[in-house]
Amino acid sequence: MTVAWIARDEQKQEWCSFQQPLSEQSAIVSETWLTHPASLSGQTICMDLSFEEQPGHLASLEKFQQQGGIVVVAATVKTCMDLPAGFMRINAWPGFLNKPCVELAGGTQTAQEQVALFIINSGRTPDWVTDQAGFIAPRVIACMINEAYLALQEGVSTKDQIDLAMQLGTNYPLGPFAWADKIGKKKIVALLTALSNEFPRYKPAATLCEEANSL
């Protein structure tokens, strides 16, 4: 199995920072890191972590799939219904690539088996979830961040105090505002906005939108 990654340096660093030796029976023959899918050349799987930010990748990915390749893209807001038939999704929000569990959605059973084999041989556990906007973890964390911004708007406390309270009180690795900075406020607002079209409770806080728009 040959796998090509389309990723920025920080995404590569995050994925590779997960220290888990491959088994001796690993099915992974090679992994290649590229900056654009036009450079693909006969790999089995393409994991495009830059897809959400680079819509120009689509034509090259479709060509790769037509040649028999498996395409997995970082698409948190879009579902497989919004993507070309056969494309699969991965949760690649910053802070999640170095976790022991990887959220995935979509694909045929045969494609899922190939991708799952790669994930397992990378020392992680594939978690196949319902094909919905936000997966599971991003959806929950986006809501938590939004609630923190609502609390800030209402004068409940300061950013630093809310972050500290969530870290000490719930044992979260980061407070909601620190998490927002790490993930990217524009990503969070985009997901909350998409979810709020169906469920009004996800409407993003005004302060969060203001900060995202100022970036």
Protein backbone atom coordinates (compact mmCIF):
# COMPACT_ATOMS: atom_id res chain seq x y z
CA MET A 1 0.00 0.00 0.00
CA THR A 2 1.37 3.39 -0.99
CA VAL A 3 -0.09 6.51 0.59
CA ALA A 4 0.31 10.11 -0.51
CA TRP A 5 -0.40 13.03 1.81
CA ILE A 6 -1.33 16.48 0.57
CA ALA A 7 -0.45 18.60 3.56
CA ARG A 8 1.28 21.62 4.98
CA ASP A 9 4.43 21.18 7.08
CA GLU A 10 2.56 21.71 10.35
CA GLN A 11 0.02 19.02 9.41
CA LYS A 12 2.82 16.59 8.61
CA GLN A 13 4.50 17.40 11.90
CA GLU A 14 1.28 16.85 13.84
CA TRP A 15 0.55 13.47 12.24
CA CYS A 16 4.13 12.28 12.61
CA SER A 17 4.35 13.41 16.23
CA PHE A 18 2.21 10.44 17.26
CA GLN A 19 4.87 8.01 18.41
CA GLN A 20 3.73 4.49 17.60
CA PRO A 21 6.05 2.04 15.81
CA LEU A 22 4.61 0.24 12.81
CA SER A 23 4.15 -3.49 13.14
CA GLU A 24 6.54 -5.76 11.30
CA GLN A 25 3.62 -6.93 9.19
CA SER A 26 2.71 -3.38 8.20
CA ALA A 27 0.84 -3.13 4.92
CA ILE A 28 2.25 0.34 4.32
CA VAL A 29 4.93 0.19 1.67
CA SER A 30 5.62 3.91 1.55
CA GLU A 31 4.26 7.31 2.50
CA THR A 32 4.87 10.40 0.39
CA TRP A 33 4.26 14.01 1.36
CA LEU A 34 3.15 16.35 -1.42
CA THR A 35 1.82 19.89 -1.64
CA HIS A 36 -0.65 19.37 -4.51
CA PRO A 37 -2.54 16.30 -5.80
CA ALA A 38 -1.39 17.01 -9.36
CA SER A 39 1.87 15.32 -8.28
CA LEU A 40 0.16 12.00 -7.50
CA SER A 41 1.71 9.07 -9.35
CA GLY A 42 0.20 5.65 -8.78
CA GLN A 43 -0.39 5.68 -5.02
CA THR A 44 -3.16 3.59 -3.45
CA ILE A 45 -4.59 6.27 -1.16
CA CYS A 46 -4.47 10.06 -1.20
CA MET A 47 -5.05 11.80 2.14
CA ASP A 48 -5.66 15.46 1.29
CA LEU A 49 -5.44 17.46 4.51
CA SER A 50 -5.45 20.77 2.63
CA PHE A 51 -8.67 20.13 0.71
CA GLU A 52 -10.90 22.35 2.86
CA GLU A 53 -8.64 25.33 2.15
CA GLN A 54 -7.74 24.48 -1.45
CA PRO A 55 -10.83 23.91 -3.64
CA GLY A 56 -8.54 23.91 -6.68
CA HIS A 57 -7.45 20.39 -5.70
CA LEU A 58 -10.74 18.85 -6.83
CA ALA A 59 -9.96 18.09 -10.49
CA SER A 60 -6.66 16.38 -9.65
CA LEU A 61 -8.30 14.29 -6.93
CA GLU A 62 -11.11 13.20 -9.24
CA LYS A 63 -8.54 12.15 -11.85
CA PHE A 64 -6.65 10.14 -9.21
CA GLN A 65 -9.88 8.42 -8.18
CA GLN A 66 -10.80 7.62 -11.80
CA GLN A 67 -7.44 5.87 -12.10
CA GLY A 68 -8.36 3.59 -9.19
CA GLY A 69 -7.08 5.60 -6.23
CA ILE A 70 -8.88 6.14 -2.92
CA VAL A 71 -9.47 9.76 -1.95
CA VAL A 72 -9.79 10.94 1.67
CA VAL A 73 -10.20 14.67 2.20
CA ALA A 74 -10.23 17.00 5.19
CA ALA A 75 -13.83 18.21 4.97
CA THR A 76 -15.42 19.12 8.28
CA VAL A 77 -18.36 21.25 7.17
CA LYS A 78 -19.11 19.49 3.88
CA THR A 79 -20.51 15.96 3.95
CA CYS A 80 -19.93 13.24 1.37
CA MET A 81 -23.19 14.31 -0.27
CA ASP A 82 -21.45 17.60 -1.12
CA LEU A 83 -18.37 15.87 -2.53
CA PRO A 84 -17.73 13.75 -5.65
CA ALA A 85 -19.10 10.22 -5.34
CA GLY A 86 -16.69 7.91 -3.53
CA PHE A 87 -14.75 10.61 -1.68
CA MET A 88 -14.21 9.94 2.01
CA ARG A 89 -13.83 12.46 4.86
CA ILE A 90 -11.37 12.75 7.73
CA ASN A 91 -11.38 15.05 10.74
CA ALA A 92 -8.13 16.95 10.27
CA TRP A 93 -8.80 20.00 12.40
CA PRO A 94 -5.59 21.19 14.12
CA GLY A 95 -5.08 19.29 17.34
CA PHE A 96 -6.75 16.06 16.22
CA LEU A 97 -4.21 14.48 13.87
CA ASN A 98 -1.93 13.34 16.69
CA LYS A 99 -4.71 11.60 18.61
CA PRO A 100 -5.02 7.80 18.93
CA CYS A 101 -8.48 7.85 17.31
CA VAL A 102 -9.22 9.16 13.80
CA GLU A 103 -12.75 10.15 12.78
CA LEU A 104 -13.70 9.14 9.23
CA ALA A 105 -16.89 9.04 7.16
CA GLY A 106 -18.12 7.82 3.79
CA GLY A 107 -16.67 5.52 1.16
CA THR A 108 -17.44 2.02 -0.04
CA GLN A 109 -16.79 -0.97 2.18
CA THR A 110 -13.73 -1.92 0.12
CA ALA A 111 -12.29 1.60 0.35
CA GLN A 112 -13.02 1.76 4.08
CA GLU A 113 -11.14 -1.49 4.61
CA GLN A 114 -8.07 -0.13 2.83
CA VAL A 115 -8.11 3.16 4.71
CA ALA A 116 -8.76 1.40 8.04
CA LEU A 117 -5.78 -0.88 7.41
CA PHE A 118 -3.57 2.15 6.85
CA ILE A 119 -4.85 3.92 9.98
CA ILE A 120 -4.38 0.81 12.11
CA ASN A 121 -0.87 0.27 10.78
CA SER A 122 -0.16 3.88 11.74
CA GLY A 123 -0.88 2.94 15.35
CA ARG A 124 -4.29 4.61 15.51
CA THR A 125 -7.89 3.47 15.64
CA PRO A 126 -10.26 4.40 12.79
CA ASP A 127 -13.66 5.57 14.02
CA TRP A 128 -16.28 5.41 11.27
CA VAL A 129 -18.98 7.91 12.13
CA THR A 130 -22.23 9.08 10.55
CA ASP A 131 -21.65 11.30 7.53
CA GLN A 132 -22.76 14.59 9.05
CA ALA A 133 -21.31 18.06 9.24
CA GLY A 134 -18.76 18.40 12.03
CA PHE A 135 -18.14 14.72 12.71
CA ILE A 136 -18.38 14.25 16.51
CA ALA A 137 -15.41 15.86 18.27
CA PRO A 138 -15.32 19.10 16.19
CA ARG A 139 -19.05 19.52 16.62
CA VAL A 140 -18.86 19.17 20.41
CA ILE A 141 -15.78 21.35 20.76
CA ALA A 142 -17.23 24.06 18.50
CA CYS A 143 -20.30 24.16 20.75
CA MET A 144 -18.11 24.40 23.85
CA ILE A 145 -16.11 27.26 22.32
CA ASN A 146 -19.31 29.04 21.32
CA GLU A 147 -20.72 28.70 24.85
CA ALA A 148 -17.49 30.18 26.23
CA TYR A 149 -17.88 33.19 23.95
CA LEU A 150 -21.48 33.61 25.05
CA ALA A 151 -20.32 33.55 28.68
CA LEU A 152 -17.69 36.16 27.84
CA GLN A 153 -20.34 38.37 26.18
CA GLU A 154 -22.53 38.08 29.27
CA GLY A 155 -19.70 39.15 31.53
CA VAL A 156 -19.47 35.83 33.37
CA SER A 157 -15.68 35.96 33.42
CA THR A 158 -12.54 36.70 31.39
CA LYS A 159 -11.00 34.55 28.70
CA ASP A 160 -8.09 33.53 30.93
CA GLN A 161 -10.36 32.59 33.82
CA ILE A 162 -12.72 30.57 31.61
CA ASP A 163 -9.80 28.73 30.02
CA LEU A 164 -8.31 27.94 33.44
CA ALA A 165 -11.65 26.82 34.86
CA MET A 166 -12.23 24.40 31.98
CA GLN A 167 -8.72 22.98 32.20
CA LEU A 168 -8.81 22.45 35.96
CA GLY A 169 -12.50 21.65 36.29
CA THR A 170 -12.94 19.27 33.34
CA ASN A 171 -9.33 18.25 32.67
CA TYR A 172 -9.51 19.53 29.08
CA PRO A 173 -6.04 19.81 27.47
CA LEU A 174 -6.86 23.39 26.41
CA GLY A 175 -9.36 25.98 27.47
CA PRO A 176 -12.05 26.94 24.91
CA PHE A 177 -10.38 30.20 23.85
CA ALA A 178 -6.97 28.57 23.49
CA TRP A 179 -8.65 25.81 21.49
CA ALA A 180 -10.32 28.40 19.25
CA ASP A 181 -6.91 29.95 18.52
CA LYS A 182 -5.38 26.56 17.75
CA ILE A 183 -8.18 25.31 15.50
CA GLY A 184 -8.91 28.63 13.83
CA LYS A 185 -11.92 30.81 14.56
CA LYS A 186 -12.97 30.93 10.92
CA LYS A 187 -13.25 27.13 10.88
CA ILE A 188 -15.35 27.16 14.03
CA VAL A 189 -17.69 29.88 12.77
CA ALA A 190 -18.10 28.09 9.42
CA LEU A 191 -19.14 24.88 11.16
CA LEU A 192 -21.48 26.57 13.63
CA THR A 193 -23.09 28.61 10.84
CA ALA A 194 -23.70 25.47 8.76
CA LEU A 195 -25.19 23.64 11.73
CA SER A 196 -27.35 26.61 12.71
CA ASN A 197 -29.14 26.50 9.35
CA GLU A 198 -30.89 23.37 10.64
CA PHE A 199 -30.50 23.76 14.39
CA PRO A 200 -30.74 27.40 15.64
CA ARG A 201 -29.01 26.52 18.93
CA TYR A 202 -25.70 26.42 17.03
CA LYS A 203 -25.86 30.09 16.06
CA PRO A 204 -22.32 31.46 16.58
CA ALA A 205 -21.81 34.10 19.26
CA ALA A 206 -21.49 37.66 17.97
CA THR A 207 -18.08 38.13 19.63
CA LEU A 208 -16.75 34.94 18.07
CA CYS A 209 -17.93 36.10 14.62
CA GLU A 210 -16.34 39.51 15.13
CA GLU A 211 -12.99 37.98 16.07
CA ALA A 212 -13.13 35.54 13.14
CA ASN A 213 -13.98 38.29 10.66
CA SER A 214 -11.12 40.45 11.91
CA LEU A 215 -8.51 37.83 11.03
